Amino acid sequence: MTNIDHIYICMAAPLLIGMLFAGRRRRSDFLFVLSGMTACLLSAYVSGFFTGFYGADVSTATAEITPVVEEVIKLLPLLFYLLVFEPKPQRAQTAAIVIAVSFATFENTCWLVKNGAEHLGFLLLRGFGAGAMHVICGAMVSAGLAYAWRSTWQKVAGTTGLLCAAVTFHGMYNLLLSAGGTLQSLGYALPIAAALLGFAATKLLHLRTDE
């Protein structure tokens, strides 16, 4: 069985060295990448703990435990950044995307090492599907928090609501993948389509704003 600790060390070590030579303003970007990878590593252990604690089977853990654990832990670095440094909305959204991308990259790397790279087509679906899913969840939460954190009384309610939305989307993705067959293909296509629509909507909004 693959030791994800070893993969983490091999991927994190160059980033830590790179931080020594990066400018002061760029070090935070390295920290966001490390935060996403660390969140993925912790999620694997926490999900495994709750799966064993509740005696859940693979399908139950995939649909009910993993989405909650991963989205909660993935949100923690962003919340720390918001609470301690109080960044501008645009900077917070960028941090959320970087954390989500690095989370998905580490997850895909561990999956690849464990399962091999025999089928290129499936790897493309897996890579783009999981990547898009994590990015969509990160973008959804960060965009919402940019508005929810403008008011103190909205912070708790807004964060909880956005987290629930991300968990629901993540759980639906995992559930479709575990079904196999046509539903599995639909599961991989869903976040990719959502990412493309979100990108198109963002571009359209910027065009209208420029006008």
N, C-alpha and C. Protein backbone atom coordinates (compact mmCIF):
# COMPACT_ATOMS: atom_id res chain seq x y z
N MET A 1 0.84 -1.20 0.00
CA MET A 1 0.00 0.00 0.00
C MET A 1 0.88 1.26 0.00
N THR A 2 0.47 2.24 -0.77
CA THR A 2 1.25 3.46 -0.91
C THR A 2 1.31 4.24 0.40
N ASN A 3 2.50 4.68 0.74
CA ASN A 3 2.68 5.51 1.93
C ASN A 3 2.59 6.97 1.50
N ILE A 4 1.48 7.60 1.78
CA ILE A 4 1.28 8.97 1.32
C ILE A 4 2.20 9.95 2.03
N ASP A 5 2.72 9.58 3.19
CA ASP A 5 3.68 10.44 3.89
C ASP A 5 4.93 10.64 3.04
N HIS A 6 5.39 9.56 2.40
CA HIS A 6 6.59 9.64 1.59
C HIS A 6 6.36 10.54 0.37
N ILE A 7 5.19 10.42 -0.23
CA ILE A 7 4.85 11.27 -1.38
C ILE A 7 4.81 12.73 -0.94
N TYR A 8 4.22 12.96 0.21
CA TYR A 8 4.12 14.34 0.73
C TYR A 8 5.50 14.94 0.95
N ILE A 9 6.40 14.18 1.53
CA ILE A 9 7.75 14.68 1.81
C ILE A 9 8.47 15.03 0.51
N CYS A 10 8.34 14.14 -0.49
CA CYS A 10 9.02 14.36 -1.77
C CYS A 10 8.49 15.60 -2.49
N MET A 11 7.19 15.88 -2.34
CA MET A 11 6.60 17.03 -3.01
C MET A 11 6.77 18.32 -2.20
N ALA A 12 6.76 18.20 -0.88
CA ALA A 12 6.85 19.39 -0.04
C ALA A 12 8.28 19.92 0.09
N ALA A 13 9.26 19.02 0.03
CA ALA A 13 10.65 19.43 0.22
C ALA A 13 11.10 20.49 -0.80
N PRO A 14 10.85 20.30 -2.12
CA PRO A 14 11.25 21.35 -3.08
C PRO A 14 10.54 22.67 -2.84
N LEU A 15 9.30 22.62 -2.38
CA LEU A 15 8.57 23.85 -2.11
C LEU A 15 9.18 24.61 -0.94
N LEU A 16 9.57 23.87 0.07
CA LEU A 16 10.20 24.51 1.23
C LEU A 16 11.54 25.16 0.85
N ILE A 17 12.30 24.47 0.00
CA ILE A 17 13.57 25.04 -0.46
C ILE A 17 13.31 26.27 -1.33
N GLY A 18 12.29 26.16 -2.19
CA GLY A 18 11.95 27.30 -3.05
C GLY A 18 11.56 28.53 -2.26
N MET A 19 10.92 28.32 -1.11
CA MET A 19 10.53 29.46 -0.28
C MET A 19 11.72 30.28 0.18
N LEU A 20 12.89 29.62 0.35
CA LEU A 20 14.08 30.33 0.81
C LEU A 20 14.57 31.35 -0.22
N PHE A 21 14.29 31.06 -1.50
CA PHE A 21 14.79 31.92 -2.56
C PHE A 21 13.70 32.81 -3.15
N ALA A 22 12.47 32.61 -2.73
CA ALA A 22 11.37 33.43 -3.23
C ALA A 22 11.34 34.76 -2.51
N GLY A 23 10.79 35.75 -3.18
CA GLY A 23 10.64 37.05 -2.55
C GLY A 23 9.62 36.99 -1.43
N ARG A 24 9.63 38.00 -0.62
CA ARG A 24 8.74 38.02 0.54
C ARG A 24 7.28 37.93 0.15
N ARG A 25 6.92 38.59 -0.94
CA ARG A 25 5.52 38.59 -1.37
C ARG A 25 5.10 37.26 -1.96
N ARG A 26 6.07 36.48 -2.46
CA ARG A 26 5.75 35.21 -3.10
C ARG A 26 5.75 34.03 -2.13
N ARG A 27 6.28 34.23 -0.95
CA ARG A 27 6.34 33.12 0.00
C ARG A 27 4.95 32.66 0.42
N SER A 28 4.01 33.58 0.46
CA SER A 28 2.64 33.20 0.83
C SER A 28 2.05 32.23 -0.20
N ASP A 29 2.43 32.39 -1.47
CA ASP A 29 1.93 31.47 -2.50
C ASP A 29 2.43 30.05 -2.24
N PHE A 30 3.69 29.94 -1.87
CA PHE A 30 4.24 28.62 -1.51
C PHE A 30 3.50 28.04 -0.31
N LEU A 31 3.19 28.90 0.65
CA LEU A 31 2.47 28.43 1.84
C LEU A 31 1.07 27.95 1.50
N PHE A 32 0.42 28.61 0.55
CA PHE A 32 -0.92 28.16 0.14
C PHE A 32 -0.85 26.78 -0.51
N VAL A 33 0.17 26.56 -1.33
CA VAL A 33 0.35 25.25 -1.96
C VAL A 33 0.60 24.18 -0.90
N LEU A 34 1.48 24.48 0.03
CA LEU A 34 1.76 23.52 1.11
C LEU A 34 0.53 23.28 1.98
N SER A 35 -0.27 24.32 2.19
CA SER A 35 -1.49 24.18 2.98
C SER A 35 -2.47 23.23 2.31
N GLY A 36 -2.61 23.35 0.99
CA GLY A 36 -3.51 22.46 0.28
C GLY A 36 -3.05 21.01 0.33
N MET A 37 -1.75 20.79 0.14
CA MET A 37 -1.21 19.43 0.21
C MET A 37 -1.34 18.86 1.62
N THR A 38 -1.05 19.69 2.62
CA THR A 38 -1.16 19.24 4.01
C THR A 38 -2.60 18.92 4.36
N ALA A 39 -3.53 19.73 3.88
CA ALA A 39 -4.95 19.47 4.12
C ALA A 39 -5.37 18.13 3.51
N CYS A 40 -4.84 17.82 2.33
CA CYS A 40 -5.16 16.55 1.69
C CYS A 40 -4.61 15.37 2.49
N LEU A 41 -3.38 15.53 2.98
CA LEU A 41 -2.77 14.47 3.79
C LEU A 41 -3.57 14.24 5.07
N LEU A 42 -3.92 15.31 5.76
CA LEU A 42 -4.70 15.18 7.00
C LEU A 42 -6.08 14.60 6.73
N SER A 43 -6.68 14.99 5.62
CA SER A 43 -8.01 14.48 5.27
C SER A 43 -8.00 12.97 5.12
N ALA A 44 -6.93 12.45 4.53
CA ALA A 44 -6.83 11.00 4.34
C ALA A 44 -6.83 10.27 5.68
N TYR A 45 -6.08 10.81 6.64
CA TYR A 45 -6.02 10.17 7.95
C TYR A 45 -7.32 10.34 8.74
N VAL A 46 -7.90 11.54 8.68
CA VAL A 46 -9.14 11.78 9.42
C VAL A 46 -10.29 10.96 8.83
N SER A 47 -10.37 10.89 7.52
CA SER A 47 -11.41 10.08 6.87
C SER A 47 -11.25 8.61 7.23
N GLY A 48 -9.99 8.16 7.22
CA GLY A 48 -9.73 6.77 7.60
C GLY A 48 -10.14 6.48 9.03
N PHE A 49 -9.89 7.45 9.93
CA PHE A 49 -10.27 7.27 11.33
C PHE A 49 -11.78 7.14 11.48
N PHE A 50 -12.54 8.07 10.87
CA PHE A 50 -13.99 8.03 11.01
C PHE A 50 -14.60 6.83 10.29
N THR A 51 -13.98 6.41 9.20
CA THR A 51 -14.47 5.22 8.51
C THR A 51 -14.35 4.00 9.40
N GLY A 52 -13.19 3.86 10.06
CA GLY A 52 -13.00 2.74 10.98
C GLY A 52 -13.85 2.87 12.23
N PHE A 53 -14.01 4.10 12.73
CA PHE A 53 -14.78 4.33 13.95
C PHE A 53 -16.24 3.94 13.77
N TYR A 54 -16.81 4.30 12.62
CA TYR A 54 -18.23 3.99 12.36
C TYR A 54 -18.41 2.66 11.64
N GLY A 55 -17.32 1.99 11.29
CA GLY A 55 -17.43 0.72 10.59
C GLY A 55 -18.10 0.86 9.23
N ALA A 56 -17.85 1.97 8.55
CA ALA A 56 -18.50 2.24 7.27
C ALA A 56 -17.81 1.47 6.15
N ASP A 57 -18.61 1.07 5.15
CA ASP A 57 -18.02 0.43 3.98
C ASP A 57 -17.49 1.50 3.04
N VAL A 58 -16.89 1.06 1.93
CA VAL A 58 -16.23 2.00 1.03
C VAL A 58 -17.21 2.99 0.42
N SER A 59 -18.36 2.51 -0.03
CA SER A 59 -19.34 3.39 -0.68
C SER A 59 -19.89 4.42 0.30
N THR A 60 -20.16 4.00 1.52
CA THR A 60 -20.68 4.94 2.53
C THR A 60 -19.63 5.99 2.89
N ALA A 61 -18.40 5.54 3.07
CA ALA A 61 -17.33 6.48 3.40
C ALA A 61 -17.10 7.48 2.28
N THR A 62 -17.16 6.99 1.05
CA THR A 62 -16.92 7.87 -0.11
C THR A 62 -18.00 8.93 -0.26
N ALA A 63 -19.23 8.56 -0.01
CA ALA A 63 -20.35 9.48 -0.23
C ALA A 63 -20.68 10.34 0.97
N GLU A 64 -20.41 9.86 2.19
CA GLU A 64 -20.88 10.56 3.38
C GLU A 64 -19.77 11.11 4.28
N ILE A 65 -18.65 10.40 4.36
CA ILE A 65 -17.59 10.82 5.28
C ILE A 65 -16.54 11.68 4.59
N THR A 66 -16.01 11.18 3.49
CA THR A 66 -14.92 11.87 2.80
C THR A 66 -15.27 13.30 2.37
N PRO A 67 -16.44 13.55 1.76
CA PRO A 67 -16.74 14.93 1.35
C PRO A 67 -16.75 15.92 2.52
N VAL A 68 -17.32 15.50 3.64
CA VAL A 68 -17.39 16.38 4.80
C VAL A 68 -15.99 16.67 5.35
N VAL A 69 -15.21 15.62 5.53
CA VAL A 69 -13.87 15.77 6.10
C VAL A 69 -13.00 16.62 5.19
N GLU A 70 -13.00 16.32 3.90
CA GLU A 70 -12.11 17.04 2.98
C GLU A 70 -12.47 18.51 2.86
N GLU A 71 -13.76 18.81 2.76
CA GLU A 71 -14.15 20.22 2.60
C GLU A 71 -13.93 21.02 3.88
N VAL A 72 -14.12 20.40 5.03
CA VAL A 72 -13.88 21.10 6.30
C VAL A 72 -12.39 21.39 6.47
N ILE A 73 -11.55 20.38 6.27
CA ILE A 73 -10.12 20.57 6.46
C ILE A 73 -9.54 21.49 5.39
N LYS A 74 -10.06 21.40 4.17
CA LYS A 74 -9.59 22.28 3.10
C LYS A 74 -9.94 23.74 3.38
N LEU A 75 -11.01 23.96 4.14
CA LEU A 75 -11.44 25.32 4.47
C LEU A 75 -10.61 25.95 5.58
N LEU A 76 -10.03 25.14 6.45
CA LEU A 76 -9.32 25.65 7.62
C LEU A 76 -8.18 26.62 7.29
N PRO A 77 -7.29 26.30 6.32
CA PRO A 77 -6.23 27.28 6.01
C PRO A 77 -6.78 28.62 5.52
N LEU A 78 -7.86 28.57 4.74
CA LEU A 78 -8.46 29.80 4.25
C LEU A 78 -9.06 30.62 5.38
N LEU A 79 -9.74 29.96 6.32
CA LEU A 79 -10.31 30.67 7.47
C LEU A 79 -9.22 31.30 8.32
N PHE A 80 -8.12 30.58 8.51
CA PHE A 80 -7.00 31.14 9.27
C PHE A 80 -6.45 32.39 8.58
N TYR A 81 -6.33 32.32 7.28
CA TYR A 81 -5.83 33.46 6.50
C TYR A 81 -6.78 34.65 6.62
N LEU A 82 -8.06 34.39 6.55
CA LEU A 82 -9.05 35.47 6.64
C LEU A 82 -9.07 36.10 8.04
N LEU A 83 -9.00 35.26 9.06
CA LEU A 83 -9.10 35.76 10.42
C LEU A 83 -7.85 36.51 10.87
N VAL A 84 -6.69 36.02 10.48
CA VAL A 84 -5.44 36.59 10.98
C VAL A 84 -4.96 37.76 10.13
N PHE A 85 -5.01 37.62 8.80
CA PHE A 85 -4.41 38.62 7.92
C PHE A 85 -5.43 39.56 7.29
N GLU A 86 -6.72 39.20 7.32
CA GLU A 86 -7.78 40.03 6.77
C GLU A 86 -7.43 40.55 5.37
N PRO A 87 -7.21 39.65 4.42
CA PRO A 87 -6.80 40.07 3.08
C PRO A 87 -7.96 40.68 2.29
N LYS A 88 -7.62 41.29 1.18
CA LYS A 88 -8.64 41.80 0.28
C LYS A 88 -9.37 40.61 -0.38
N PRO A 89 -10.63 40.79 -0.78
CA PRO A 89 -11.41 39.68 -1.35
C PRO A 89 -10.72 38.97 -2.51
N GLN A 90 -10.10 39.74 -3.42
CA GLN A 90 -9.44 39.13 -4.57
C GLN A 90 -8.28 38.24 -4.14
N ARG A 91 -7.53 38.69 -3.15
CA ARG A 91 -6.40 37.90 -2.65
C ARG A 91 -6.89 36.65 -1.94
N ALA A 92 -7.99 36.75 -1.21
CA ALA A 92 -8.55 35.59 -0.52
C ALA A 92 -9.06 34.56 -1.52
N GLN A 93 -9.68 35.02 -2.61
CA GLN A 93 -10.17 34.10 -3.63
C GLN A 93 -9.02 33.38 -4.32
N THR A 94 -7.94 34.10 -4.58
CA THR A 94 -6.76 33.47 -5.18
C THR A 94 -6.18 32.41 -4.25
N ALA A 95 -6.12 32.72 -2.96
CA ALA A 95 -5.60 31.75 -1.99
C ALA A 95 -6.46 30.49 -1.96
N ALA A 96 -7.78 30.66 -2.00
CA ALA A 96 -8.68 29.51 -1.98
C ALA A 96 -8.49 28.62 -3.20
N ILE A 97 -8.30 29.23 -4.37
CA ILE A 97 -8.09 28.46 -5.59
C ILE A 97 -6.77 27.69 -5.53
N VAL A 98 -5.71 28.35 -5.07
CA VAL A 98 -4.40 27.70 -4.97
C VAL A 98 -4.46 26.53 -3.99
N ILE A 99 -5.13 26.71 -2.87
CA ILE A 99 -5.28 25.62 -1.89
C ILE A 99 -6.03 24.45 -2.50
N ALA A 100 -7.11 24.75 -3.22
CA ALA A 100 -7.92 23.70 -3.84
C ALA A 100 -7.13 22.96 -4.92
N VAL A 101 -6.38 23.69 -5.74
CA VAL A 101 -5.59 23.07 -6.81
C VAL A 101 -4.50 22.17 -6.23
N SER A 102 -3.80 22.65 -5.23
CA SER A 102 -2.74 21.84 -4.63
C SER A 102 -3.31 20.62 -3.91
N PHE A 103 -4.49 20.77 -3.31
CA PHE A 103 -5.18 19.63 -2.69
C PHE A 103 -5.45 18.57 -3.75
N ALA A 104 -6.04 18.99 -4.87
CA ALA A 104 -6.38 18.06 -5.94
C ALA A 104 -5.14 17.44 -6.57
N THR A 105 -4.07 18.22 -6.71
CA THR A 105 -2.84 17.71 -7.31
C THR A 105 -2.21 16.63 -6.44
N PHE A 106 -2.16 16.87 -5.15
CA PHE A 106 -1.60 15.86 -4.25
C PHE A 106 -2.48 14.61 -4.22
N GLU A 107 -3.80 14.80 -4.22
CA GLU A 107 -4.73 13.67 -4.23
C GLU A 107 -4.56 12.84 -5.50
N ASN A 108 -4.45 13.50 -6.66
CA ASN A 108 -4.28 12.79 -7.92
C ASN A 108 -2.93 12.07 -7.97
N THR A 109 -1.91 12.68 -7.41
CA THR A 109 -0.59 12.05 -7.40
C THR A 109 -0.60 10.77 -6.58
N CYS A 110 -1.22 10.82 -5.41
CA CYS A 110 -1.32 9.63 -4.56
C CYS A 110 -2.14 8.54 -5.25
N TRP A 111 -3.22 8.95 -5.91
CA TRP A 111 -4.05 7.97 -6.63
C TRP A 111 -3.26 7.34 -7.77
N LEU A 112 -2.48 8.14 -8.48
CA LEU A 112 -1.69 7.64 -9.61
C LEU A 112 -0.63 6.64 -9.15
N VAL A 113 0.07 6.96 -8.08
CA VAL A 113 1.10 6.07 -7.56
C VAL A 113 0.50 4.75 -7.10
N LYS A 114 -0.68 4.82 -6.52
CA LYS A 114 -1.33 3.62 -6.00
C LYS A 114 -1.93 2.75 -7.10
N ASN A 115 -2.52 3.37 -8.11
CA ASN A 115 -3.29 2.62 -9.11
C ASN A 115 -2.59 2.47 -10.46
N GLY A 116 -1.50 3.16 -10.68
CA GLY A 116 -0.78 3.01 -11.93
C GLY A 116 -1.31 3.94 -13.01
N ALA A 117 -0.64 3.90 -14.17
CA ALA A 117 -0.98 4.81 -15.27
C ALA A 117 -1.16 4.04 -16.58
N GLU A 118 -1.97 3.01 -16.54
CA GLU A 118 -2.12 2.15 -17.71
C GLU A 118 -3.09 2.71 -18.74
N HIS A 119 -4.13 3.42 -18.29
CA HIS A 119 -5.15 3.91 -19.21
C HIS A 119 -5.13 5.43 -19.23
N LEU A 120 -4.58 5.99 -20.31
CA LEU A 120 -4.42 7.43 -20.41
C LEU A 120 -5.76 8.16 -20.41
N GLY A 121 -6.74 7.60 -21.14
CA GLY A 121 -8.05 8.25 -21.20
C GLY A 121 -8.69 8.38 -19.83
N PHE A 122 -8.61 7.31 -19.04
CA PHE A 122 -9.19 7.36 -17.70
C PHE A 122 -8.42 8.33 -16.81
N LEU A 123 -7.10 8.40 -16.98
CA LEU A 123 -6.30 9.33 -16.19
C LEU A 123 -6.67 10.78 -16.50
N LEU A 124 -6.95 11.06 -17.77
CA LEU A 124 -7.37 12.41 -18.13
C LEU A 124 -8.70 12.76 -17.47
N LEU A 125 -9.65 11.79 -17.49
CA LEU A 125 -10.94 12.03 -16.83
C LEU A 125 -10.75 12.24 -15.34
N ARG A 126 -9.94 11.38 -14.74
CA ARG A 126 -9.69 11.47 -13.30
C ARG A 126 -9.00 12.79 -12.96
N GLY A 127 -7.97 13.15 -13.73
CA GLY A 127 -7.22 14.37 -13.43
C GLY A 127 -8.06 15.62 -13.56
N PHE A 128 -8.74 15.75 -14.69
CA PHE A 128 -9.56 16.94 -14.91
C PHE A 128 -10.81 16.93 -14.04
N GLY A 129 -11.41 15.75 -13.84
CA GLY A 129 -12.63 15.66 -13.03
C GLY A 129 -12.40 16.03 -11.59
N ALA A 130 -11.42 15.39 -10.96
CA ALA A 130 -11.12 15.68 -9.55
C ALA A 130 -10.59 17.11 -9.38
N GLY A 131 -9.75 17.53 -10.34
CA GLY A 131 -9.24 18.89 -10.25
C GLY A 131 -10.33 19.93 -10.35
N ALA A 132 -11.24 19.74 -11.32
CA ALA A 132 -12.33 20.69 -11.49
C ALA A 132 -13.26 20.69 -10.29
N MET A 133 -13.50 19.51 -9.72
CA MET A 133 -14.40 19.41 -8.57
C MET A 133 -13.86 20.22 -7.38
N HIS A 134 -12.58 20.04 -7.08
CA HIS A 134 -11.99 20.76 -5.95
C HIS A 134 -11.92 22.27 -6.23
N VAL A 135 -11.63 22.63 -7.47
CA VAL A 135 -11.57 24.05 -7.82
C VAL A 135 -12.94 24.69 -7.71
N ILE A 136 -13.97 24.00 -8.22
CA ILE A 136 -15.33 24.53 -8.14
C ILE A 136 -15.73 24.74 -6.68
N CYS A 137 -15.46 23.76 -5.83
CA CYS A 137 -15.80 23.89 -4.41
C CYS A 137 -15.03 25.05 -3.78
N GLY A 138 -13.74 25.17 -4.11
CA GLY A 138 -12.95 26.26 -3.56
C GLY A 138 -13.41 27.62 -4.04
N ALA A 139 -13.73 27.71 -5.34
CA ALA A 139 -14.20 28.98 -5.90
C ALA A 139 -15.56 29.37 -5.33
N MET A 140 -16.42 28.38 -5.15
CA MET A 140 -17.75 28.64 -4.62
C MET A 140 -17.66 29.19 -3.19
N VAL A 141 -16.84 28.57 -2.38
CA VAL A 141 -16.69 29.01 -0.99
C VAL A 141 -16.02 30.38 -0.91
N SER A 142 -14.95 30.57 -1.68
CA SER A 142 -14.21 31.83 -1.60
C SER A 142 -15.03 33.00 -2.12
N ALA A 143 -15.76 32.78 -3.22
CA ALA A 143 -16.59 33.86 -3.76
C ALA A 143 -17.68 34.26 -2.78
N GLY A 144 -18.27 33.26 -2.13
CA GLY A 144 -19.32 33.55 -1.15
C GLY A 144 -18.78 34.25 0.09
N LEU A 145 -17.59 33.81 0.53
CA LEU A 145 -17.01 34.42 1.73
C LEU A 145 -16.62 35.88 1.49
N ALA A 146 -16.30 36.22 0.25
CA ALA A 146 -15.96 37.60 -0.06
C ALA A 146 -17.10 38.55 0.27
N TYR A 147 -18.34 38.04 0.18
CA TYR A 147 -19.51 38.86 0.52
C TYR A 147 -19.95 38.62 1.97
N ALA A 148 -19.90 37.36 2.41
CA ALA A 148 -20.38 37.04 3.76
C ALA A 148 -19.53 37.70 4.84
N TRP A 149 -18.24 37.87 4.59
CA TRP A 149 -17.35 38.42 5.62
C TRP A 149 -17.33 39.94 5.66
N ARG A 150 -18.21 40.55 4.91
CA ARG A 150 -18.31 42.00 5.00
C ARG A 150 -19.09 42.42 6.24
N SER A 151 -19.86 41.51 6.77
CA SER A 151 -20.66 41.80 7.94
C SER A 151 -20.39 40.74 9.00
N THR A 152 -20.21 41.16 10.24
CA THR A 152 -19.85 40.22 11.30
C THR A 152 -20.92 39.15 11.52
N TRP A 153 -22.19 39.55 11.50
CA TRP A 153 -23.25 38.59 11.79
C TRP A 153 -23.44 37.57 10.67
N GLN A 154 -22.91 37.87 9.48
CA GLN A 154 -23.04 36.95 8.36
C GLN A 154 -21.92 35.92 8.29
N LYS A 155 -20.86 36.13 9.04
CA LYS A 155 -19.69 35.27 8.91
C LYS A 155 -20.00 33.81 9.21
N VAL A 156 -20.62 33.55 10.36
CA VAL A 156 -20.88 32.17 10.77
C VAL A 156 -21.91 31.53 9.86
N ALA A 157 -23.04 32.22 9.64
CA ALA A 157 -24.09 31.66 8.80
C ALA A 157 -23.62 31.48 7.36
N GLY A 158 -22.91 32.48 6.84
CA GLY A 158 -22.43 32.40 5.47
C GLY A 158 -21.41 31.29 5.27
N THR A 159 -20.47 31.18 6.21
CA THR A 159 -19.45 30.13 6.11
C THR A 159 -20.07 28.75 6.20
N THR A 160 -21.02 28.57 7.10
CA THR A 160 -21.69 27.28 7.26
C THR A 160 -22.47 26.91 6.00
N GLY A 161 -23.21 27.87 5.46
CA GLY A 161 -23.99 27.60 4.25
C GLY A 161 -23.11 27.25 3.06
N LEU A 162 -22.03 27.99 2.88
CA LEU A 162 -21.11 27.72 1.77
C LEU A 162 -20.42 26.38 1.93
N LEU A 163 -20.06 26.04 3.15
CA LEU A 163 -19.44 24.75 3.41
C LEU A 163 -20.40 23.62 3.09
N CYS A 164 -21.66 23.77 3.47
CA CYS A 164 -22.67 22.74 3.16
C CYS A 164 -22.85 22.58 1.66
N ALA A 165 -22.82 23.69 0.93
CA ALA A 165 -22.95 23.63 -0.53
C ALA A 165 -21.77 22.88 -1.15
N ALA A 166 -20.56 23.16 -0.65
CA ALA A 166 -19.38 22.48 -1.17
C ALA A 166 -19.41 20.99 -0.85
N VAL A 167 -19.83 20.64 0.36
CA VAL A 167 -19.93 19.23 0.76
C VAL A 167 -20.96 18.51 -0.10
N THR A 168 -22.08 19.16 -0.39
CA THR A 168 -23.12 18.55 -1.21
C THR A 168 -22.61 18.27 -2.62
N PHE A 169 -21.96 19.25 -3.22
CA PHE A 169 -21.41 19.08 -4.58
C PHE A 169 -20.36 17.98 -4.60
N HIS A 170 -19.48 17.98 -3.61
CA HIS A 170 -18.43 16.97 -3.50
C HIS A 170 -19.04 15.58 -3.30
N GLY A 171 -20.04 15.49 -2.43
CA GLY A 171 -20.68 14.21 -2.18
C GLY A 171 -21.39 13.68 -3.42
N MET A 172 -22.04 14.55 -4.17
CA MET A 172 -22.71 14.14 -5.40
C MET A 172 -21.70 13.61 -6.41
N TYR A 173 -20.56 14.29 -6.50
CA TYR A 173 -19.49 13.84 -7.40
C TYR A 173 -19.00 12.44 -7.01
N ASN A 174 -18.70 12.25 -5.73
CA ASN A 174 -18.22 10.95 -5.26
C ASN A 174 -19.27 9.85 -5.45
N LEU A 175 -20.53 10.20 -5.21
CA LEU A 175 -21.61 9.22 -5.35
C LEU A 175 -21.75 8.75 -6.79
N LEU A 176 -21.67 9.67 -7.73
CA LEU A 176 -21.75 9.31 -9.15
C LEU A 176 -20.57 8.44 -9.57
N LEU A 177 -19.39 8.76 -9.05
CA LEU A 177 -18.21 7.97 -9.41
C LEU A 177 -18.30 6.55 -8.87
N SER A 178 -18.84 6.40 -7.67
CA SER A 178 -18.93 5.07 -7.08
C SER A 178 -19.99 4.20 -7.75
N ALA A 179 -20.91 4.82 -8.52
CA ALA A 179 -21.97 4.07 -9.17
C ALA A 179 -21.46 3.28 -10.37
N GLY A 180 -20.39 3.76 -11.01
CA GLY A 180 -19.83 3.08 -12.15
C GLY A 180 -20.63 3.31 -13.42
N GLY A 181 -20.10 2.81 -14.54
CA GLY A 181 -20.81 2.88 -15.82
C GLY A 181 -21.04 4.30 -16.31
N THR A 182 -22.24 4.52 -16.85
CA THR A 182 -22.60 5.82 -17.40
C THR A 182 -22.61 6.90 -16.33
N LEU A 183 -23.09 6.55 -15.14
CA LEU A 183 -23.13 7.53 -14.05
C LEU A 183 -21.74 7.99 -13.65
N GLN A 184 -20.78 7.09 -13.73
CA GLN A 184 -19.41 7.46 -13.41
C GLN A 184 -18.87 8.48 -14.42
N SER A 185 -19.15 8.25 -15.69
CA SER A 185 -18.73 9.20 -16.73
C SER A 185 -19.41 10.55 -16.51
N LEU A 186 -20.69 10.50 -16.12
CA LEU A 186 -21.42 11.73 -15.83
C LEU A 186 -20.79 12.46 -14.64
N GLY A 187 -20.35 11.68 -13.65
CA GLY A 187 -19.70 12.28 -12.48
C GLY A 187 -18.43 13.01 -12.84
N TYR A 188 -17.60 12.42 -13.71
CA TYR A 188 -16.38 13.09 -14.14
C TYR A 188 -16.68 14.34 -14.97
N ALA A 189 -17.75 14.26 -15.78
CA ALA A 189 -18.08 15.38 -16.67
C ALA A 189 -18.72 16.55 -15.92
N LEU A 190 -19.41 16.26 -14.83
CA LEU A 190 -20.15 17.30 -14.11
C LEU A 190 -19.27 18.46 -13.64
N PRO A 191 -18.20 18.23 -12.89
CA PRO A 191 -17.38 19.37 -12.45
C PRO A 191 -16.65 20.06 -13.59
N ILE A 192 -16.29 19.29 -14.63
CA ILE A 192 -15.62 19.92 -15.77
C ILE A 192 -16.57 20.89 -16.45
N ALA A 193 -17.82 20.46 -16.66
CA ALA A 193 -18.81 21.34 -17.26
C ALA A 193 -19.09 22.55 -16.38
N ALA A 194 -19.16 22.32 -15.07
CA ALA A 194 -19.40 23.42 -14.14
C ALA A 194 -18.25 24.42 -14.17
N ALA A 195 -17.02 23.92 -14.28
CA ALA A 195 -15.85 24.80 -14.33
C ALA A 195 -15.86 25.64 -15.60
N LEU A 196 -16.19 25.02 -16.73
CA LEU A 196 -16.25 25.76 -18.00
C LEU A 196 -17.35 26.82 -17.97
N LEU A 197 -18.50 26.46 -17.41
CA LEU A 197 -19.59 27.44 -17.31
C LEU A 197 -19.21 28.59 -16.37
N GLY A 198 -18.56 28.25 -15.26
CA GLY A 198 -18.12 29.29 -14.34
C GLY A 198 -17.10 30.22 -14.97
N PHE A 199 -16.18 29.65 -15.74
CA PHE A 199 -15.18 30.46 -16.43
C PHE A 199 -15.83 31.39 -17.44
N ALA A 200 -16.77 30.85 -18.22
CA ALA A 200 -17.48 31.67 -19.21
C ALA A 200 -18.28 32.78 -18.55
N ALA A 201 -18.94 32.45 -17.43
CA ALA A 201 -19.73 33.46 -16.72
C ALA A 201 -18.85 34.56 -16.15
N THR A 202 -17.67 34.19 -15.65
CA THR A 202 -16.75 35.18 -15.10
C THR A 202 -16.24 36.12 -16.19
N LYS A 203 -15.89 35.55 -17.33
CA LYS A 203 -15.43 36.38 -18.45
C LYS A 203 -16.53 37.33 -18.91
N LEU A 204 -17.75 36.82 -19.00
CA LEU A 204 -18.88 37.65 -19.43
C LEU A 204 -19.13 38.78 -18.44
N LEU A 205 -19.02 38.48 -17.16
CA LEU A 205 -19.22 39.50 -16.13
C LEU A 205 -18.15 40.58 -16.22
N HIS A 206 -16.90 40.18 -16.47
CA HIS A 206 -15.82 41.16 -16.59
C HIS A 206 -16.02 42.04 -17.82
N LEU A 207 -16.51 41.46 -18.90
CA LEU A 207 -16.76 42.25 -20.11
C LEU A 207 -17.83 43.30 -19.87
N ARG A 208 -18.88 42.90 -19.17
CA ARG A 208 -19.96 43.85 -18.87
C ARG A 208 -19.48 44.92 -17.91
N THR A 209 -18.62 44.56 -16.98
CA THR A 209 -18.10 45.53 -16.02
C THR A 209 -17.21 46.56 -16.73
N ASP A 210 -16.42 46.08 -17.70
CA ASP A 210 -15.54 46.98 -18.44
C ASP A 210 -16.33 47.98 -19.29
N GLU A 211 -17.50 47.53 -19.74
CA GLU A 211 -18.34 48.42 -20.54
C GLU A 211 -18.91 49.55 -19.68
